[in-house]
Amino acid sequence: MPSTSPQSGDWHNADILAALKKNGWTIASLSRHVGYTRGALYQALLRKWPKGEAIIAEAIGIQPQTIWPSRYLAKFKRDVKPRNVNKRKVA
């Protein structure tokens, strides 16, 4: 079982790279296979990039939501502003 971040539940980057290696890929070989430069897919490990995340997840054989739950669950959370933020208090 891959280790996850306590705050986000996302897999550790080393676990993602190890899972790729178990399936016969390196991040560089997978990047070149899909037509990107050798380090392009590494960006998906550092920041949100749905297309890159999908490529990595498919190579591992699971859904991107399993690897990066914080990136996908945030989509469904609403940012709610407190009411009356811009109104001044009358003394």
PDB file of N, CA and C in Angstrom:
ATOM      1  N   MET A   1       0.854  -1.186   0.000  1.00  0.00           N
ATOM      2  CA  MET A   1       0.000   0.000   0.000  1.00  0.00           C
ATOM      3  C   MET A   1       0.896   1.244   0.000  1.00  0.00           C
ATOM      4  N   PRO A   2       0.680   2.162  -0.941  1.00  0.00           N
ATOM      5  CA  PRO A   2       1.488   3.377  -0.993  1.00  0.00           C
ATOM      6  C   PRO A   2       1.246   4.268   0.225  1.00  0.00           C
ATOM      7  N   SER A   3       2.299   4.964   0.627  1.00  0.00           N
ATOM      8  CA  SER A   3       2.133   5.898   1.738  1.00  0.00           C
ATOM      9  C   SER A   3       1.429   7.150   1.222  1.00  0.00           C
ATOM     10  N   THR A   4       0.656   7.758   2.089  1.00  0.00           N
ATOM     11  CA  THR A   4      -0.093   8.947   1.697  1.00  0.00           C
ATOM     12  C   THR A   4       0.231  10.093   2.632  1.00  0.00           C
ATOM     13  N   SER A   5       0.003  11.292   2.129  1.00  0.00           N
ATOM     14  CA  SER A   5       0.186  12.482   2.948  1.00  0.00           C
ATOM     15  C   SER A   5      -0.941  12.552   3.964  1.00  0.00           C
ATOM     16  N   PRO A   6      -0.643  12.827   5.226  1.00  0.00           N
ATOM     17  CA  PRO A   6      -1.704  12.875   6.242  1.00  0.00           C
ATOM     18  C   PRO A   6      -2.755  13.949   5.948  1.00  0.00           C
ATOM     19  N   GLN A   7      -2.339  15.069   5.385  1.00  0.00           N
ATOM     20  CA  GLN A   7      -3.287  16.146   5.134  1.00  0.00           C
ATOM     21  C   GLN A   7      -4.142  15.889   3.897  1.00  0.00           C
ATOM     22  N   SER A   8      -3.531  15.427   2.813  1.00  0.00           N
ATOM     23  CA  SER A   8      -4.256  15.353   1.553  1.00  0.00           C
ATOM     24  C   SER A   8      -4.687  13.947   1.151  1.00  0.00           C
ATOM     25  N   GLY A   9      -3.987  12.935   1.629  1.00  0.00           N
ATOM     26  CA  GLY A   9      -4.283  11.577   1.203  1.00  0.00           C
ATOM     27  C   GLY A   9      -3.631  11.214  -0.114  1.00  0.00           C
ATOM     28  N   ASP A  10      -2.878  12.151  -0.711  1.00  0.00           N
ATOM     29  CA  ASP A  10      -2.209  11.891  -1.985  1.00  0.00           C
ATOM     30  C   ASP A  10      -1.032  10.944  -1.783  1.00  0.00           C
ATOM     31  N   TRP A  11      -0.751  10.139  -2.811  1.00  0.00           N
ATOM     32  CA  TRP A  11       0.397   9.259  -2.769  1.00  0.00           C
ATOM     33  C   TRP A  11       1.674  10.084  -2.739  1.00  0.00           C
ATOM     34  N   HIS A  12       2.694   9.568  -2.104  1.00  0.00           N
ATOM     35  CA  HIS A  12       4.009  10.190  -2.130  1.00  0.00           C
ATOM     36  C   HIS A  12       4.595   9.999  -3.535  1.00  0.00           C
ATOM     37  N   ASN A  13       5.348  10.985  -4.014  1.00  0.00           N
ATOM     38  CA  ASN A  13       5.927  10.913  -5.357  1.00  0.00           C
ATOM     39  C   ASN A  13       6.786   9.664  -5.553  1.00  0.00           C
ATOM     40  N   ALA A  14       7.522   9.264  -4.532  1.00  0.00           N
ATOM     41  CA  ALA A  14       8.355   8.063  -4.634  1.00  0.00           C
ATOM     42  C   ALA A  14       7.494   6.818  -4.868  1.00  0.00           C
ATOM     43  N   ASP A  15       6.314   6.781  -4.264  1.00  0.00           N
ATOM     44  CA  ASP A  15       5.406   5.647  -4.464  1.00  0.00           C
ATOM     45  C   ASP A  15       4.847   5.628  -5.890  1.00  0.00           C
ATOM     46  N   ILE A  16       4.581   6.799  -6.433  1.00  0.00           N
ATOM     47  CA  ILE A  16       4.088   6.885  -7.814  1.00  0.00           C
ATOM     48  C   ILE A  16       5.169   6.394  -8.767  1.00  0.00           C
ATOM     49  N   LEU A  17       6.399   6.863  -8.566  1.00  0.00           N
ATOM     50  CA  LEU A  17       7.511   6.445  -9.423  1.00  0.00           C
ATOM     51  C   LEU A  17       7.772   4.944  -9.285  1.00  0.00           C
ATOM     52  N   ALA A  18       7.647   4.403  -8.075  1.00  0.00           N
ATOM     53  CA  ALA A  18       7.838   2.964  -7.858  1.00  0.00           C
ATOM     54  C   ALA A  18       6.743   2.156  -8.555  1.00  0.00           C
ATOM     55  N   ALA A  19       5.502   2.645  -8.498  1.00  0.00           N
ATOM     56  CA  ALA A  19       4.399   1.948  -9.167  1.00  0.00           C
ATOM     57  C   ALA A  19       4.603   1.953 -10.684  1.00  0.00           C
ATOM     58  N   LEU A  20       5.099   3.066 -11.213  1.00  0.00           N
ATOM     59  CA  LEU A  20       5.410   3.119 -12.650  1.00  0.00           C
ATOM     60  C   LEU A  20       6.488   2.091 -12.984  1.00  0.00           C
ATOM     61  N   LYS A  21       7.520   2.046 -12.172  1.00  0.00           N
ATOM     62  CA  LYS A  21       8.625   1.124 -12.412  1.00  0.00           C
ATOM     63  C   LYS A  21       8.154  -0.338 -12.365  1.00  0.00           C
ATOM     64  N   LYS A  22       7.250  -0.657 -11.446  1.00  0.00           N
ATOM     65  CA  LYS A  22       6.703  -2.013 -11.348  1.00  0.00           C
ATOM     66  C   LYS A  22       5.943  -2.396 -12.619  1.00  0.00           C
ATOM     67  N   ASN A  23       5.420  -1.374 -13.320  1.00  0.00           N
ATOM     68  CA  ASN A  23       4.682  -1.622 -14.557  1.00  0.00           C
ATOM     69  C   ASN A  23       5.549  -1.419 -15.794  1.00  0.00           C
ATOM     70  N   GLY A  24       6.870  -1.299 -15.587  1.00  0.00           N
ATOM     71  CA  GLY A  24       7.792  -1.245 -16.719  1.00  0.00           C
ATOM     72  C   GLY A  24       8.058   0.146 -17.276  1.00  0.00           C
ATOM     73  N   TRP A  25       7.728   1.173 -16.535  1.00  0.00           N
ATOM     74  CA  TRP A  25       7.916   2.544 -17.008  1.00  0.00           C
ATOM     75  C   TRP A  25       8.819   3.334 -16.077  1.00  0.00           C
ATOM     76  N   THR A  26       9.451   4.342 -16.644  1.00  0.00           N
ATOM     77  CA  THR A  26      10.024   5.424 -15.860  1.00  0.00           C
ATOM     78  C   THR A  26       9.229   6.656 -16.279  1.00  0.00           C
ATOM     79  N   ILE A  27       9.342   7.726 -15.525  1.00  0.00           N
ATOM     80  CA  ILE A  27       8.614   8.932 -15.894  1.00  0.00           C
ATOM     81  C   ILE A  27       9.108   9.440 -17.252  1.00  0.00           C
ATOM     82  N   ALA A  28      10.416   9.286 -17.508  1.00  0.00           N
ATOM     83  CA  ALA A  28      10.994   9.734 -18.781  1.00  0.00           C
ATOM     84  C   ALA A  28      10.515   8.869 -19.949  1.00  0.00           C
ATOM     85  N   SER A  29      10.528   7.550 -19.766  1.00  0.00           N
ATOM     86  CA  SER A  29      10.109   6.670 -20.863  1.00  0.00           C
ATOM     87  C   SER A  29       8.624   6.831 -21.168  1.00  0.00           C
ATOM     88  N   LEU A  30       7.815   7.029 -20.140  1.00  0.00           N
ATOM     89  CA  LEU A  30       6.387   7.239 -20.357  1.00  0.00           C
ATOM     90  C   LEU A  30       6.144   8.577 -21.062  1.00  0.00           C
ATOM     91  N   SER A  31       6.881   9.599 -20.648  1.00  0.00           N
ATOM     92  CA  SER A  31       6.751  10.908 -21.296  1.00  0.00           C
ATOM     93  C   SER A  31       7.080  10.808 -22.780  1.00  0.00           C
ATOM     94  N   ARG A  32       8.195  10.152 -23.095  1.00  0.00           N
ATOM     95  CA  ARG A  32       8.582  10.010 -24.502  1.00  0.00           C
ATOM     96  C   ARG A  32       7.581   9.150 -25.264  1.00  0.00           C
ATOM     97  N   HIS A  33       7.047   8.136 -24.615  1.00  0.00           N
ATOM     98  CA  HIS A  33       6.084   7.235 -25.256  1.00  0.00           C
ATOM     99  C   HIS A  33       4.834   7.988 -25.732  1.00  0.00           C
ATOM    100  N   VAL A  34       4.388   8.966 -24.947  1.00  0.00           N
ATOM    101  CA  VAL A  34       3.184   9.714 -25.319  1.00  0.00           C
ATOM    102  C   VAL A  34       3.495  10.975 -26.125  1.00  0.00           C
ATOM    103  N   GLY A  35       4.791  11.173 -26.454  1.00  0.00           N
ATOM    104  CA  GLY A  35       5.160  12.272 -27.331  1.00  0.00           C
ATOM    105  C   GLY A  35       5.573  13.564 -26.644  1.00  0.00           C
ATOM    106  N   TYR A  36       5.845  13.499 -25.358  1.00  0.00           N
ATOM    107  CA  TYR A  36       6.301  14.669 -24.616  1.00  0.00           C
ATOM    108  C   TYR A  36       7.819  14.595 -24.434  1.00  0.00           C
ATOM    109  N   THR A  37       8.408  15.695 -23.969  1.00  0.00           N
ATOM    110  CA  THR A  37       9.817  15.663 -23.614  1.00  0.00           C
ATOM    111  C   THR A  37       9.983  14.763 -22.389  1.00  0.00           C
ATOM    112  N   ARG A  38      11.200  14.333 -22.146  1.00  0.00           N
ATOM    113  CA  ARG A  38      11.412  13.296 -21.133  1.00  0.00           C
ATOM    114  C   ARG A  38      10.971  13.686 -19.726  1.00  0.00           C
ATOM    115  N   GLY A  39      10.954  14.951 -19.379  1.00  0.00           N
ATOM    116  CA  GLY A  39      10.568  15.354 -18.033  1.00  0.00           C
ATOM    117  C   GLY A  39       9.184  15.953 -17.920  1.00  0.00           C
ATOM    118  N   ALA A  40       8.436  15.942 -19.006  1.00  0.00           N
ATOM    119  CA  ALA A  40       7.138  16.625 -19.010  1.00  0.00           C
ATOM    120  C   ALA A  40       6.162  16.063 -17.983  1.00  0.00           C
ATOM    121  N   LEU A  41       6.033  14.765 -17.914  1.00  0.00           N
ATOM    122  CA  LEU A  41       5.062  14.175 -16.994  1.00  0.00           C
ATOM    123  C   LEU A  41       5.461  14.343 -15.530  1.00  0.00           C
ATOM    124  N   TYR A  42       6.710  14.674 -15.279  1.00  0.00           N
ATOM    125  CA  TYR A  42       7.133  14.938 -13.905  1.00  0.00           C
ATOM    126  C   TYR A  42       6.351  16.120 -13.332  1.00  0.00           C
ATOM    127  N   GLN A  43       5.912  17.019 -14.205  1.00  0.00           N
ATOM    128  CA  GLN A  43       5.141  18.187 -13.760  1.00  0.00           C
ATOM    129  C   GLN A  43       3.834  17.771 -13.085  1.00  0.00           C
ATOM    130  N   ALA A  44       3.265  16.651 -13.497  1.00  0.00           N
ATOM    131  CA  ALA A  44       2.021  16.171 -12.879  1.00  0.00           C
ATOM    132  C   ALA A  44       2.256  15.741 -11.428  1.00  0.00           C
ATOM    133  N   LEU A  45       3.504  15.410 -11.083  1.00  0.00           N
ATOM    134  CA  LEU A  45       3.808  15.072  -9.702  1.00  0.00           C
ATOM    135  C   LEU A  45       3.886  16.323  -8.833  1.00  0.00           C
ATOM    136  N   LEU A  46       4.197  17.447  -9.449  1.00  0.00           N
ATOM    137  CA  LEU A  46       4.412  18.690  -8.708  1.00  0.00           C
ATOM    138  C   LEU A  46       3.184  19.575  -8.610  1.00  0.00           C
ATOM    139  N   ARG A  47       2.352  19.563  -9.647  1.00  0.00           N
ATOM    140  CA  ARG A  47       1.174  20.441  -9.659  1.00  0.00           C
ATOM    141  C   ARG A  47       0.051  19.780 -10.439  1.00  0.00           C
ATOM    142  N   LYS A  48      -1.128  20.328 -10.298  1.00  0.00           N
ATOM    143  CA  LYS A  48      -2.308  19.760 -10.961  1.00  0.00           C
ATOM    144  C   LYS A  48      -2.169  19.870 -12.476  1.00  0.00           C
ATOM    145  N   TRP A  49      -2.290  18.745 -13.139  1.00  0.00           N
ATOM    146  CA  TRP A  49      -2.286  18.661 -14.594  1.00  0.00           C
ATOM    147  C   TRP A  49      -3.097  17.421 -14.972  1.00  0.00           C
ATOM    148  N   PRO A  50      -4.410  17.580 -15.149  1.00  0.00           N
ATOM    149  CA  PRO A  50      -5.289  16.425 -15.359  1.00  0.00           C
ATOM    150  C   PRO A  50      -4.863  15.487 -16.490  1.00  0.00           C
ATOM    151  N   LYS A  51      -4.392  16.029 -17.591  1.00  0.00           N
ATOM    152  CA  LYS A  51      -3.985  15.169 -18.700  1.00  0.00           C
ATOM    153  C   LYS A  51      -2.781  14.309 -18.314  1.00  0.00           C
ATOM    154  N   GLY A  52      -1.783  14.917 -17.689  1.00  0.00           N
ATOM    155  CA  GLY A  52      -0.606  14.173 -17.249  1.00  0.00           C
ATOM    156  C   GLY A  52      -0.941  13.169 -16.166  1.00  0.00           C
ATOM    157  N   GLU A  53      -1.818  13.558 -15.250  1.00  0.00           N
ATOM    158  CA  GLU A  53      -2.247  12.665 -14.178  1.00  0.00           C
ATOM    159  C   GLU A  53      -2.937  11.436 -14.754  1.00  0.00           C
ATOM    160  N   ALA A  54      -3.762  11.645 -15.777  1.00  0.00           N
ATOM    161  CA  ALA A  54      -4.486  10.533 -16.409  1.00  0.00           C
ATOM    162  C   ALA A  54      -3.520   9.573 -17.091  1.00  0.00           C
ATOM    163  N   ILE A  55      -2.485  10.103 -17.735  1.00  0.00           N
ATOM    164  CA  ILE A  55      -1.491   9.258 -18.404  1.00  0.00           C
ATOM    165  C   ILE A  55      -0.744   8.413 -17.385  1.00  0.00           C
ATOM    166  N   ILE A  56      -0.317   9.023 -16.295  1.00  0.00           N
ATOM    167  CA  ILE A  56       0.405   8.297 -15.248  1.00  0.00           C
ATOM    168  C   ILE A  56      -0.492   7.232 -14.616  1.00  0.00           C
ATOM    169  N   ALA A  57      -1.715   7.604 -14.287  1.00  0.00           N
ATOM    170  CA  ALA A  57      -2.647   6.664 -13.655  1.00  0.00           C
ATOM    171  C   ALA A  57      -2.937   5.480 -14.569  1.00  0.00           C
ATOM    172  N   GLU A  58      -3.114   5.739 -15.864  1.00  0.00           N
ATOM    173  CA  GLU A  58      -3.378   4.649 -16.804  1.00  0.00           C
ATOM    174  C   GLU A  58      -2.190   3.692 -16.876  1.00  0.00           C
ATOM    175  N   ALA A  59      -0.977   4.234 -16.841  1.00  0.00           N
ATOM    176  CA  ALA A  59       0.218   3.390 -16.881  1.00  0.00           C
ATOM    177  C   ALA A  59       0.325   2.518 -15.635  1.00  0.00           C
ATOM    178  N   ILE A  60      -0.171   3.030 -14.507  1.00  0.00           N
ATOM    179  CA  ILE A  60      -0.155   2.258 -13.258  1.00  0.00           C
ATOM    180  C   ILE A  60      -1.335   1.291 -13.213  1.00  0.00           C
ATOM    181  N   GLY A  61      -2.428   1.655 -13.868  1.00  0.00           N
ATOM    182  CA  GLY A  61      -3.594   0.784 -13.906  1.00  0.00           C
ATOM    183  C   GLY A  61      -4.668   1.139 -12.896  1.00  0.00           C
ATOM    184  N   ILE A  62      -4.703   2.410 -12.470  1.00  0.00           N
ATOM    185  CA  ILE A  62      -5.724   2.864 -11.523  1.00  0.00           C
ATOM    186  C   ILE A  62      -6.248   4.233 -11.967  1.00  0.00           C
ATOM    187  N   GLN A  63      -7.222   4.751 -11.244  1.00  0.00           N
ATOM    188  CA  GLN A  63      -7.801   6.056 -11.540  1.00  0.00           C
ATOM    189  C   GLN A  63      -6.943   7.173 -10.927  1.00  0.00           C
ATOM    190  N   PRO A  64      -6.852   8.333 -11.585  1.00  0.00           N
ATOM    191  CA  PRO A  64      -6.094   9.451 -11.023  1.00  0.00           C
ATOM    192  C   PRO A  64      -6.601   9.880  -9.643  1.00  0.00           C
ATOM    193  N   GLN A  65      -7.895   9.736  -9.394  1.00  0.00           N
ATOM    194  CA  GLN A  65      -8.478  10.112  -8.106  1.00  0.00           C
ATOM    195  C   GLN A  65      -7.902   9.289  -6.962  1.00  0.00           C
ATOM    196  N   THR A  66      -7.452   8.083  -7.265  1.00  0.00           N
ATOM    197  CA  THR A  66      -6.865   7.224  -6.248  1.00  0.00           C
ATOM    198  C   THR A  66      -5.483   7.738  -5.841  1.00  0.00           C
ATOM    199  N   ILE A  67      -4.732   8.256  -6.809  1.00  0.00           N
ATOM    200  CA  ILE A  67      -3.381   8.752  -6.543  1.00  0.00           C
ATOM    201  C   ILE A  67      -3.415  10.144  -5.922  1.00  0.00           C
ATOM    202  N   TRP A  68      -4.266  11.007  -6.469  1.00  0.00           N
ATOM    203  CA  TRP A  68      -4.328  12.414  -6.027  1.00  0.00           C
ATOM    204  C   TRP A  68      -5.743  12.788  -5.588  1.00  0.00           C
ATOM    205  N   PRO A  69      -6.246  12.215  -4.502  1.00  0.00           N
ATOM    206  CA  PRO A  69      -7.613  12.537  -4.098  1.00  0.00           C
ATOM    207  C   PRO A  69      -7.822  14.021  -3.795  1.00  0.00           C
ATOM    208  N   SER A  70      -6.814  14.688  -3.276  1.00  0.00           N
ATOM    209  CA  SER A  70      -6.995  16.109  -2.934  1.00  0.00           C
ATOM    210  C   SER A  70      -7.226  16.968  -4.167  1.00  0.00           C
ATOM    211  N   ARG A  71      -6.666  16.572  -5.292  1.00  0.00           N
ATOM    212  CA  ARG A  71      -6.830  17.348  -6.524  1.00  0.00           C
ATOM    213  C   ARG A  71      -8.211  17.171  -7.127  1.00  0.00           C
ATOM    214  N   TYR A  72      -8.840  16.043  -6.863  1.00  0.00           N
ATOM    215  CA  TYR A  72     -10.146  15.769  -7.458  1.00  0.00           C
ATOM    216  C   TYR A  72     -11.293  16.054  -6.504  1.00  0.00           C
ATOM    217  N   LEU A  73     -11.087  15.857  -5.217  1.00  0.00           N
ATOM    218  CA  LEU A  73     -12.147  16.150  -4.260  1.00  0.00           C
ATOM    219  C   LEU A  73     -12.366  17.650  -4.132  1.00  0.00           C
ATOM    220  N   ALA A  74     -11.331  18.436  -4.336  1.00  0.00           N
ATOM    221  CA  ALA A  74     -11.451  19.895  -4.252  1.00  0.00           C
ATOM    222  C   ALA A  74     -12.436  20.432  -5.286  1.00  0.00           C
ATOM    223  N   LYS A  75     -12.601  19.712  -6.380  1.00  0.00           N
ATOM    224  CA  LYS A  75     -13.531  20.119  -7.431  1.00  0.00           C
ATOM    225  C   LYS A  75     -14.963  20.184  -6.914  1.00  0.00           C
ATOM    226  N   PHE A  76     -15.264  19.308  -5.975  1.00  0.00           N
ATOM    227  CA  PHE A  76     -16.636  19.200  -5.506  1.00  0.00           C
ATOM    228  C   PHE A  76     -16.931  20.045  -4.269  1.00  0.00           C
ATOM    229  N   LYS A  77     -15.899  20.652  -3.701  1.00  0.00           N
ATOM    230  CA  LYS A  77     -16.106  21.519  -2.545  1.00  0.00           C
ATOM    231  C   LYS A  77     -16.420  22.927  -3.045  1.00  0.00           C
ATOM    232  N   ARG A  78     -17.389  23.556  -2.442  1.00  0.00           N
ATOM    233  CA  ARG A  78     -17.746  24.923  -2.812  1.00  0.00           C
ATOM    234  C   ARG A  78     -17.018  25.902  -1.922  1.00  0.00           C
ATOM    235  N   ASP A  79     -16.472  26.928  -2.546  1.00  0.00           N
ATOM    236  CA  ASP A  79     -15.896  28.008  -1.760  1.00  0.00           C
ATOM    237  C   ASP A  79     -17.024  28.964  -1.424  1.00  0.00           C
ATOM    238  N   VAL A  80     -17.347  29.055  -0.166  1.00  0.00           N
ATOM    239  CA  VAL A  80     -18.454  29.896   0.270  1.00  0.00           C
ATOM    240  C   VAL A  80     -17.886  31.116   0.977  1.00  0.00           C
ATOM    241  N   LYS A  81     -18.259  32.285   0.481  1.00  0.00           N
ATOM    242  CA  LYS A  81     -17.824  33.526   1.113  1.00  0.00           C
ATOM    243  C   LYS A  81     -18.757  33.838   2.272  1.00  0.00           C
ATOM    244  N   PRO A  82     -18.191  34.344   3.338  1.00  0.00           N
ATOM    245  CA  PRO A  82     -19.062  34.783   4.431  1.00  0.00           C
ATOM    246  C   PRO A  82     -19.913  35.962   3.954  1.00  0.00           C
ATOM    247  N   ARG A  83     -21.118  36.015   4.427  1.00  0.00           N
ATOM    248  CA  ARG A  83     -22.003  37.115   4.033  1.00  0.00           C
ATOM    249  C   ARG A  83     -21.554  38.415   4.672  1.00  0.00           C
ATOM    250  N   ASN A  84     -21.926  39.503   4.041  1.00  0.00           N
ATOM    251  CA  ASN A  84     -21.672  40.857   4.544  1.00  0.00           C
ATOM    252  C   ASN A  84     -20.184  41.168   4.679  1.00  0.00           C
ATOM    253  N   VAL A  85     -19.362  40.617   3.826  1.00  0.00           N
ATOM    254  CA  VAL A  85     -17.926  40.848   3.900  1.00  0.00           C
ATOM    255  C   VAL A  85     -17.582  42.290   3.548  1.00  0.00           C
ATOM    256  N   ASN A  86     -18.271  42.829   2.572  1.00  0.00           N
ATOM    257  CA  ASN A  86     -17.933  44.171   2.098  1.00  0.00           C
ATOM    258  C   ASN A  86     -18.733  45.278   2.764  1.00  0.00           C
ATOM    259  N   LYS A  87     -19.567  44.962   3.687  1.00  0.00           N
ATOM    260  CA  LYS A  87     -20.365  45.982   4.348  1.00  0.00           C
ATOM    261  C   LYS A  87     -19.659  46.510   5.571  1.00  0.00           C
ATOM    262  N   ARG A  88     -19.711  47.811   5.754  1.00  0.00           N
ATOM    263  CA  ARG A  88     -19.076  48.434   6.918  1.00  0.00           C
ATOM    264  C   ARG A  88     -20.017  48.363   8.112  1.00  0.00           C
ATOM    265  N   LYS A  89     -19.408  48.281   9.258  1.00  0.00           N
ATOM    266  CA  LYS A  89     -20.190  48.325  10.489  1.00  0.00           C
ATOM    267  C   LYS A  89     -20.486  49.793  10.802  1.00  0.00           C
ATOM    268  N   VAL A  90     -21.706  50.049  11.217  1.00  0.00           N
ATOM    269  CA  VAL A  90     -22.077  51.396  11.586  1.00  0.00           C
ATOM    270  C   VAL A  90     -21.917  51.528  13.104  1.00  0.00           C
ATOM    271  N   ALA A  91     -21.172  52.554  13.513  1.00  0.00           N
ATOM    272  CA  ALA A  91     -20.910  52.725  14.944  1.00  0.00           C
ATOM    273  C   ALA A  91     -22.024  53.461  15.606  1.00  0.00           C
TER     274      ALA A  91
END
